[in-house]
Amino acid sequence: DEEANGAFEITVQPGSYLIRAQSGTLSSDEQYLELADGDIVQGVQFFLGGAGGTIDGLVLSSNGENIQGARVQLTRTDTEILPGVDIGFGSQDSQTVGEDGYFSFDDVPSGTYVASAIHPAYAAVKSEPIILEGNMQETVTLTLSGGGRIEGNVVLRGRPVPNATVMLLNSVSPKSTTTDNNGYFEMDEVNAG
């Protein structure tokens, strides 16, 4: 609940919480609260500001060319409360880069983030942790490479299985392909690991 004077009240179960205030493009830094049964926390204040910093950069191929159409996502990683959960921050959580390969996430609250990039023709990549404080600007380059290759055959009772679907399941860039008439398949641009 929010009152006309800016006061608010939230009733929650005991536990650990990360709280933040946001109004339009303005936001506050997060505050960490740990509540035991029966705790009442008063006097929490949020100061809305220019909404944070910027994480920007380029998505390039291993030979230095811009990769148009790559999808870049920014994920918060520095909290035990919401590990790896995209919590939003006043700009797009993910975006597709244009012809110039450039991306920019603006109004990002202080915290630690990882930027990841995917494109159908390349193996996906993640950045090292990006630590952002206040209205800083951090620039990263995400370099996509061709990745590896998986090939093989699908057989049933010693006979090839045509048109079988083979799936590579991973959290960064799942892929699938279909076997040919001889049960053979190949999958390129597979992430290392």
C-alpha atoms as a PDB file:
ATOM      1  CA  ASP A   1       0.000   0.000   0.000  1.00  0.00           C
ATOM      2  CA  GLU A   2       1.191   3.515  -0.805  1.00  0.00           C
ATOM      3  CA  GLU A   3      -0.084   6.708   0.779  1.00  0.00           C
ATOM      4  CA  ALA A   4      -0.257  10.206  -0.779  1.00  0.00           C
ATOM      5  CA  ASN A   5       2.700  11.355   1.344  1.00  0.00           C
ATOM      6  CA  GLY A   6       4.956   8.610  -0.038  1.00  0.00           C
ATOM      7  CA  ALA A   7       4.604   6.346   2.992  1.00  0.00           C
ATOM      8  CA  PHE A   8       4.177   2.629   2.367  1.00  0.00           C
ATOM      9  CA  GLU A   9       3.464  -0.546   4.276  1.00  0.00           C
ATOM     10  CA  ILE A  10       4.123  -4.099   3.198  1.00  0.00           C
ATOM     11  CA  THR A  11       3.175  -7.193   5.197  1.00  0.00           C
ATOM     12  CA  VAL A  12       5.411 -10.194   4.508  1.00  0.00           C
ATOM     13  CA  GLN A  13       6.338 -13.543   5.985  1.00  0.00           C
ATOM     14  CA  PRO A  14       9.598 -13.875   7.972  1.00  0.00           C
ATOM     15  CA  GLY A  15      12.616 -14.161   5.692  1.00  0.00           C
ATOM     16  CA  SER A  16      15.213 -12.284   3.673  1.00  0.00           C
ATOM     17  CA  TYR A  17      14.157  -9.602   1.210  1.00  0.00           C
ATOM     18  CA  LEU A  18      15.675  -7.238  -1.306  1.00  0.00           C
ATOM     19  CA  ILE A  19      13.513  -4.137  -1.718  1.00  0.00           C
ATOM     20  CA  ARG A  20      13.640  -1.235  -4.137  1.00  0.00           C
ATOM     21  CA  ALA A  21      11.371   1.653  -5.108  1.00  0.00           C
ATOM     22  CA  GLN A  22      10.677   2.694  -8.677  1.00  0.00           C
ATOM     23  CA  SER A  23       8.520   5.360 -10.298  1.00  0.00           C
ATOM     24  CA  GLY A  24       8.636   5.640 -14.078  1.00  0.00           C
ATOM     25  CA  THR A  25      12.303   5.777 -15.067  1.00  0.00           C
ATOM     26  CA  LEU A  26      13.446   6.748 -11.572  1.00  0.00           C
ATOM     27  CA  SER A  27      14.527   4.089  -9.118  1.00  0.00           C
ATOM     28  CA  SER A  28      16.371   3.668  -5.835  1.00  0.00           C
ATOM     29  CA  ASP A  29      19.224   1.425  -4.830  1.00  0.00           C
ATOM     30  CA  GLU A  30      18.115  -1.833  -3.246  1.00  0.00           C
ATOM     31  CA  GLN A  31      18.038  -2.419   0.477  1.00  0.00           C
ATOM     32  CA  TYR A  32      18.441  -5.811   2.135  1.00  0.00           C
ATOM     33  CA  LEU A  33      16.144  -6.695   5.027  1.00  0.00           C
ATOM     34  CA  GLU A  34      16.057  -9.817   7.133  1.00  0.00           C
ATOM     35  CA  LEU A  35      12.876 -10.241   9.164  1.00  0.00           C
ATOM     36  CA  ALA A  36      12.132 -12.627  12.021  1.00  0.00           C
ATOM     37  CA  ASP A  37       8.605 -13.531  13.103  1.00  0.00           C
ATOM     38  CA  GLY A  38       6.919 -10.470  14.612  1.00  0.00           C
ATOM     39  CA  ASP A  39       9.530  -7.954  13.397  1.00  0.00           C
ATOM     40  CA  ILE A  40       8.299  -4.516  12.384  1.00  0.00           C
ATOM     41  CA  VAL A  41      10.756  -2.393  10.433  1.00  0.00           C
ATOM     42  CA  GLN A  42      10.056   1.328  10.374  1.00  0.00           C
ATOM     43  CA  GLY A  43      11.814   4.317   8.855  1.00  0.00           C
ATOM     44  CA  VAL A  44      12.898   2.673   5.607  1.00  0.00           C
ATOM     45  CA  GLN A  45      13.555   5.458   3.125  1.00  0.00           C
ATOM     46  CA  PHE A  46      14.150   5.296  -0.593  1.00  0.00           C
ATOM     47  CA  PHE A  47      15.692   8.167  -2.493  1.00  0.00           C
ATOM     48  CA  LEU A  48      14.776   8.108  -6.146  1.00  0.00           C
ATOM     49  CA  GLY A  49      17.489   9.280  -8.448  1.00  0.00           C
ATOM     50  CA  GLY A  50      18.700   9.295 -11.987  1.00  0.00           C
ATOM     51  CA  ALA A  51      17.917   5.622 -11.834  1.00  0.00           C
ATOM     52  CA  GLY A  52      21.398   4.116 -11.935  1.00  0.00           C
ATOM     53  CA  GLY A  53      24.217   3.399 -14.292  1.00  0.00           C
ATOM     54  CA  THR A  54      24.750   2.066 -17.784  1.00  0.00           C
ATOM     55  CA  ILE A  55      26.092  -1.225 -19.090  1.00  0.00           C
ATOM     56  CA  ASP A  56      26.827  -1.057 -22.789  1.00  0.00           C
ATOM     57  CA  GLY A  57      29.064  -2.638 -25.369  1.00  0.00           C
ATOM     58  CA  LEU A  58      29.429  -4.504 -28.625  1.00  0.00           C
ATOM     59  CA  VAL A  59      28.678  -7.999 -29.859  1.00  0.00           C
ATOM     60  CA  LEU A  60      31.450  -9.094 -32.229  1.00  0.00           C
ATOM     61  CA  SER A  61      32.476 -12.227 -34.081  1.00  0.00           C
ATOM     62  CA  SER A  62      35.877 -13.762 -33.377  1.00  0.00           C
ATOM     63  CA  ASN A  63      37.248 -11.895 -36.434  1.00  0.00           C
ATOM     64  CA  GLY A  64      36.021  -8.535 -35.070  1.00  0.00           C
ATOM     65  CA  GLU A  65      32.907  -8.025 -37.195  1.00  0.00           C
ATOM     66  CA  ASN A  66      29.664  -6.659 -35.717  1.00  0.00           C
ATOM     67  CA  ILE A  67      26.975  -9.324 -35.335  1.00  0.00           C
ATOM     68  CA  GLN A  68      23.604  -7.880 -36.284  1.00  0.00           C
ATOM     69  CA  GLY A  69      20.616  -9.619 -34.719  1.00  0.00           C
ATOM     70  CA  ALA A  70      22.403 -11.025 -31.665  1.00  0.00           C
ATOM     71  CA  ARG A  71      20.219 -11.040 -28.536  1.00  0.00           C
ATOM     72  CA  VAL A  72      21.841  -9.604 -25.380  1.00  0.00           C
ATOM     73  CA  GLN A  73      20.411 -10.231 -21.908  1.00  0.00           C
ATOM     74  CA  LEU A  74      21.485  -8.690 -18.613  1.00  0.00           C
ATOM     75  CA  THR A  75      21.008 -10.797 -15.461  1.00  0.00           C
ATOM     76  CA  ARG A  76      21.569  -9.768 -11.844  1.00  0.00           C
ATOM     77  CA  THR A  77      23.875 -12.223 -10.015  1.00  0.00           C
ATOM     78  CA  ASP A  78      24.899 -10.642  -6.714  1.00  0.00           C
ATOM     79  CA  THR A  79      22.157 -11.619  -4.345  1.00  0.00           C
ATOM     80  CA  GLU A  80      21.406 -14.811  -2.482  1.00  0.00           C
ATOM     81  CA  ILE A  81      17.756 -13.795  -2.375  1.00  0.00           C
ATOM     82  CA  LEU A  82      17.191 -13.822  -6.119  1.00  0.00           C
ATOM     83  CA  PRO A  83      20.227 -15.543  -7.660  1.00  0.00           C
ATOM     84  CA  GLY A  84      20.215 -15.399 -11.433  1.00  0.00           C
ATOM     85  CA  VAL A  85      16.705 -13.960 -11.536  1.00  0.00           C
ATOM     86  CA  ASP A  86      15.989 -11.142 -13.925  1.00  0.00           C
ATOM     87  CA  ILE A  87      14.435  -8.456 -11.692  1.00  0.00           C
ATOM     88  CA  GLY A  88      13.975  -5.718 -14.299  1.00  0.00           C
ATOM     89  CA  PHE A  89      15.440  -2.275 -13.904  1.00  0.00           C
ATOM     90  CA  GLY A  90      13.569   0.365 -15.865  1.00  0.00           C
ATOM     91  CA  SER A  91      14.958  -0.424 -19.300  1.00  0.00           C
ATOM     92  CA  GLN A  92      14.725  -3.530 -21.418  1.00  0.00           C
ATOM     93  CA  ASP A  93      15.979  -6.699 -19.778  1.00  0.00           C
ATOM     94  CA  SER A  94      17.157  -7.960 -23.151  1.00  0.00           C
ATOM     95  CA  GLN A  95      17.585  -6.422 -26.557  1.00  0.00           C
ATOM     96  CA  THR A  96      18.526  -7.282 -30.102  1.00  0.00           C
ATOM     97  CA  VAL A  97      21.568  -5.472 -31.461  1.00  0.00           C
ATOM     98  CA  GLY A  98      21.406  -3.627 -34.748  1.00  0.00           C
ATOM     99  CA  GLU A  99      23.769  -3.416 -37.687  1.00  0.00           C
ATOM    100  CA  ASP A 100      26.441  -1.738 -35.544  1.00  0.00           C
ATOM    101  CA  GLY A 101      26.470  -4.585 -32.959  1.00  0.00           C
ATOM    102  CA  TYR A 102      25.912  -2.048 -30.137  1.00  0.00           C
ATOM    103  CA  PHE A 103      23.758  -2.539 -27.026  1.00  0.00           C
ATOM    104  CA  SER A 104      23.047  -0.328 -24.019  1.00  0.00           C
ATOM    105  CA  PHE A 105      21.157  -0.985 -20.798  1.00  0.00           C
ATOM    106  CA  ASP A 106      20.397   2.312 -19.067  1.00  0.00           C
ATOM    107  CA  ASP A 107      19.108   3.134 -15.569  1.00  0.00           C
ATOM    108  CA  VAL A 108      20.586  -0.076 -14.106  1.00  0.00           C
ATOM    109  CA  PRO A 109      20.613  -0.190 -10.261  1.00  0.00           C
ATOM    110  CA  SER A 110      23.891  -0.812  -8.437  1.00  0.00           C
ATOM    111  CA  GLY A 111      24.782  -4.485  -8.342  1.00  0.00           C
ATOM    112  CA  THR A 112      26.662  -7.283 -10.068  1.00  0.00           C
ATOM    113  CA  TYR A 113      25.472  -8.416 -13.487  1.00  0.00           C
ATOM    114  CA  VAL A 114      26.356 -10.812 -16.283  1.00  0.00           C
ATOM    115  CA  ALA A 115      25.666  -9.968 -19.926  1.00  0.00           C
ATOM    116  CA  SER A 116      25.032 -12.858 -22.308  1.00  0.00           C
ATOM    117  CA  ALA A 117      24.680 -12.893 -26.091  1.00  0.00           C
ATOM    118  CA  ILE A 118      23.121 -15.459 -28.399  1.00  0.00           C
ATOM    119  CA  HIS A 119      22.773 -15.693 -32.165  1.00  0.00           C
ATOM    120  CA  PRO A 120      21.619 -18.704 -34.197  1.00  0.00           C
ATOM    121  CA  ALA A 121      24.844 -18.854 -36.226  1.00  0.00           C
ATOM    122  CA  TYR A 122      27.245 -18.736 -33.253  1.00  0.00           C
ATOM    123  CA  ALA A 123      27.926 -20.337 -29.896  1.00  0.00           C
ATOM    124  CA  ALA A 124      26.517 -18.271 -27.006  1.00  0.00           C
ATOM    125  CA  VAL A 125      28.777 -16.318 -24.653  1.00  0.00           C
ATOM    126  CA  LYS A 126      28.567 -14.773 -21.160  1.00  0.00           C
ATOM    127  CA  SER A 127      30.616 -11.894 -19.785  1.00  0.00           C
ATOM    128  CA  GLU A 128      32.665 -11.898 -16.627  1.00  0.00           C
ATOM    129  CA  PRO A 129      30.763 -10.331 -13.689  1.00  0.00           C
ATOM    130  CA  ILE A 130      30.116  -6.609 -14.203  1.00  0.00           C
ATOM    131  CA  ILE A 131      30.074  -4.585 -10.971  1.00  0.00           C
ATOM    132  CA  LEU A 132      28.031  -1.411 -11.284  1.00  0.00           C
ATOM    133  CA  GLU A 133      27.824   1.266  -8.585  1.00  0.00           C
ATOM    134  CA  GLY A 134      25.745   4.445  -8.699  1.00  0.00           C
ATOM    135  CA  ASN A 135      25.637   6.107 -12.081  1.00  0.00           C
ATOM    136  CA  MET A 136      28.785   4.424 -13.438  1.00  0.00           C
ATOM    137  CA  GLN A 137      29.131   3.286 -17.031  1.00  0.00           C
ATOM    138  CA  GLU A 138      30.667  -0.114 -17.734  1.00  0.00           C
ATOM    139  CA  THR A 139      31.471  -1.219 -21.269  1.00  0.00           C
ATOM    140  CA  VAL A 140      31.852  -4.873 -22.284  1.00  0.00           C
ATOM    141  CA  THR A 141      32.609  -6.666 -25.517  1.00  0.00           C
ATOM    142  CA  LEU A 142      30.883 -10.001 -26.092  1.00  0.00           C
ATOM    143  CA  THR A 143      32.741 -12.097 -28.667  1.00  0.00           C
ATOM    144  CA  LEU A 144      30.775 -14.897 -30.301  1.00  0.00           C
ATOM    145  CA  SER A 145      32.650 -17.742 -31.965  1.00  0.00           C
ATOM    146  CA  GLY A 146      31.659 -20.580 -34.227  1.00  0.00           C
ATOM    147  CA  GLY A 147      31.621 -23.117 -31.408  1.00  0.00           C
ATOM    148  CA  GLY A 148      32.034 -26.853 -31.746  1.00  0.00           C
ATOM    149  CA  ARG A 149      30.297 -29.589 -33.693  1.00  0.00           C
ATOM    150  CA  ILE A 150      28.365 -32.736 -32.743  1.00  0.00           C
ATOM    151  CA  GLU A 151      27.558 -35.401 -35.312  1.00  0.00           C
ATOM    152  CA  GLY A 152      26.356 -38.955 -35.157  1.00  0.00           C
ATOM    153  CA  ASN A 153      23.648 -41.465 -35.993  1.00  0.00           C
ATOM    154  CA  VAL A 154      20.294 -42.436 -34.554  1.00  0.00           C
ATOM    155  CA  VAL A 155      19.603 -46.161 -34.811  1.00  0.00           C
ATOM    156  CA  LEU A 156      16.843 -48.488 -33.671  1.00  0.00           C
ATOM    157  CA  ARG A 157      17.620 -52.226 -33.547  1.00  0.00           C
ATOM    158  CA  GLY A 158      20.665 -51.666 -35.729  1.00  0.00           C
ATOM    159  CA  ARG A 159      18.802 -49.716 -38.441  1.00  0.00           C
ATOM    160  CA  PRO A 160      19.076 -45.971 -39.158  1.00  0.00           C
ATOM    161  CA  VAL A 161      16.137 -43.794 -38.093  1.00  0.00           C
ATOM    162  CA  PRO A 162      15.343 -41.086 -40.657  1.00  0.00           C
ATOM    163  CA  ASN A 163      13.678 -37.799 -39.622  1.00  0.00           C
ATOM    164  CA  ALA A 164      14.404 -38.295 -35.917  1.00  0.00           C
ATOM    165  CA  THR A 165      14.738 -35.116 -33.871  1.00  0.00           C
ATOM    166  CA  VAL A 166      18.008 -34.724 -31.960  1.00  0.00           C
ATOM    167  CA  MET A 167      18.006 -32.072 -29.233  1.00  0.00           C
ATOM    168  CA  LEU A 168      20.870 -30.376 -27.408  1.00  0.00           C
ATOM    169  CA  LEU A 169      19.479 -29.066 -24.143  1.00  0.00           C
ATOM    170  CA  ASN A 170      21.408 -26.388 -22.301  1.00  0.00           C
ATOM    171  CA  SER A 171      20.446 -23.160 -20.562  1.00  0.00           C
ATOM    172  CA  VAL A 172      22.254 -20.806 -22.928  1.00  0.00           C
ATOM    173  CA  SER A 173      21.300 -21.877 -26.442  1.00  0.00           C
ATOM    174  CA  PRO A 174      19.279 -25.071 -26.885  1.00  0.00           C
ATOM    175  CA  LYS A 175      19.423 -26.506 -30.420  1.00  0.00           C
ATOM    176  CA  SER A 176      17.738 -29.237 -32.411  1.00  0.00           C
ATOM    177  CA  THR A 177      18.170 -30.908 -35.782  1.00  0.00           C
ATOM    178  CA  THR A 178      16.655 -33.779 -37.743  1.00  0.00           C
ATOM    179  CA  THR A 179      18.403 -36.899 -39.015  1.00  0.00           C
ATOM    180  CA  ASP A 180      18.717 -37.524 -42.751  1.00  0.00           C
ATOM    181  CA  ASN A 181      17.499 -40.666 -44.536  1.00  0.00           C
ATOM    182  CA  ASN A 182      20.529 -42.578 -43.186  1.00  0.00           C
ATOM    183  CA  GLY A 183      19.871 -41.561 -39.550  1.00  0.00           C
ATOM    184  CA  TYR A 184      22.835 -39.159 -39.645  1.00  0.00           C
ATOM    185  CA  PHE A 185      22.763 -35.747 -37.916  1.00  0.00           C
ATOM    186  CA  GLU A 186      25.155 -32.846 -37.356  1.00  0.00           C
ATOM    187  CA  MET A 187      24.929 -29.796 -35.139  1.00  0.00           C
ATOM    188  CA  ASP A 188      27.286 -26.818 -35.518  1.00  0.00           C
ATOM    189  CA  GLU A 189      28.009 -23.785 -33.318  1.00  0.00           C
ATOM    190  CA  VAL A 190      27.722 -25.800 -30.099  1.00  0.00           C
ATOM    191  CA  ASN A 191      28.860 -24.051 -26.912  1.00  0.00           C
ATOM    192  CA  ALA A 192      31.965 -25.329 -25.157  1.00  0.00           C
ATOM    193  CA  GLY A 193      31.402 -27.104 -21.853  1.00  0.00           C
END
